[in-house]
Each structure stands twice: as C-alpha cells, then as structure tokens.
Protein backbone atom coordinates (compact mmCIF):
# COMPACT_ATOMS: atom_id res chain seq x y z
CA VAL A 1 18.16 -69.39 15.49
CA VAL A 2 14.53 -70.07 15.44
CA ALA A 3 13.30 -66.31 16.69
CA SER A 4 15.51 -65.09 13.40
CA ALA A 5 14.29 -67.01 11.55
CA ILE A 6 10.80 -66.06 12.06
CA ASN A 7 10.71 -64.54 8.59
CA THR A 8 10.71 -67.51 6.60
CA PHE A 9 8.07 -68.88 9.20
CA LYS A 10 5.89 -66.52 7.79
CA SER A 11 6.50 -66.08 4.19
CA PRO A 12 3.74 -68.76 2.92
CA ARG A 13 6.30 -69.90 0.27
CA THR A 14 7.68 -72.39 3.21
CA GLN A 15 5.59 -75.36 3.26
CA SER A 16 7.68 -77.78 6.70
CA VAL A 17 10.28 -77.23 8.43
CA LEU A 18 12.12 -79.94 10.89
CA ILE A 19 13.38 -78.53 14.87
CA GLU A 20 15.28 -80.63 16.59
CA LEU A 21 13.50 -79.72 20.36
CA ASN A 22 13.77 -80.78 23.79
CA THR A 23 10.94 -81.53 25.54
CA LYS A 24 11.52 -80.53 28.81
CA LEU A 25 12.87 -77.32 28.10
CA GLU A 26 9.44 -74.52 28.17
CA SER A 27 11.73 -72.87 25.80
CA HIS A 28 10.83 -75.51 23.40
CA ASN A 29 7.91 -76.61 23.75
CA LYS A 30 6.64 -72.58 23.31
CA ILE A 31 8.41 -73.29 20.04
CA VAL A 32 5.25 -74.98 19.03
CA GLY A 33 3.00 -72.84 19.97
CA LEU A 34 4.41 -70.26 18.20
CA MET A 35 5.17 -72.61 14.92
CA GLU A 36 1.41 -73.42 15.15
CA ASN A 37 -0.15 -70.22 15.54
CA LEU A 38 2.02 -69.50 12.10
CA GLY A 39 -0.67 -71.76 10.54
CA PHE A 40 2.36 -75.41 10.95
CA ALA A 41 0.83 -78.33 12.16
CA THR A 42 3.17 -80.00 13.82
CA THR A 43 4.32 -84.12 13.53
CA ILE A 44 6.17 -86.02 15.71
CA HIS A 45 6.86 -89.84 14.83
CA PRO A 46 6.89 -91.91 18.39
CA SER A 47 10.51 -92.71 17.75
CA ALA A 48 11.66 -89.58 17.13
CA ILE A 49 11.94 -88.76 20.75
CA ARG A 50 14.91 -90.57 22.65
CA LYS A 51 13.42 -92.24 26.06
CA GLU A 52 16.40 -92.18 27.85
CA GLY A 53 20.24 -91.51 28.16
CA PRO A 54 21.61 -88.26 28.42
CA PHE A 55 19.28 -87.34 25.44
CA LYS A 56 16.48 -88.42 26.92
CA GLY A 57 13.51 -86.14 25.94
CA ILE A 58 15.18 -84.49 22.66
CA GLY A 59 13.11 -85.44 19.59
CA ASN A 60 12.84 -83.97 15.77
CA HIS A 61 9.61 -82.67 15.54
CA ILE A 62 8.45 -81.87 11.61
CA PHE A 63 5.87 -78.63 10.86
CA VAL A 64 3.89 -78.92 7.88
CA ARG A 65 1.32 -75.70 6.69
CA GLY A 66 -1.47 -76.76 6.11
C-alpha cells in the first residue's frame, strides 16, 4: 500500500500521514526510513504501540512533513 502511494507522499501537499506498523517486521521498519527520506518526521506516542498480546509491537506512526 505504501509503495502504491509514493507519489502522494512525494507531493508537498501531503503534510501528514498515519500508518499502522508492526515494529517486529523489518519491512515495516524500512517504511520509517522511506518516510524520513521524503521529508517526514516520525511521531510515535508511547501508548500507541501495543505492549503485549498477539498484536505486540503494532501501532500507529504519525509522519509529519517538517
């Protein structure tokens, strides 16, 4: 989904994006680097990442163009 939206993310009109990521997956962690290379800063509220259970490590990441 992220790869399909790359042109939208490159557009200066896109000021923020919320993406749910699984921090246990390397492919998801690469998305953070991609978004930072496109000029976005990453904001993660500590309570946004699940700490236990079957969804441990999954949470919302907010990317804001800085």
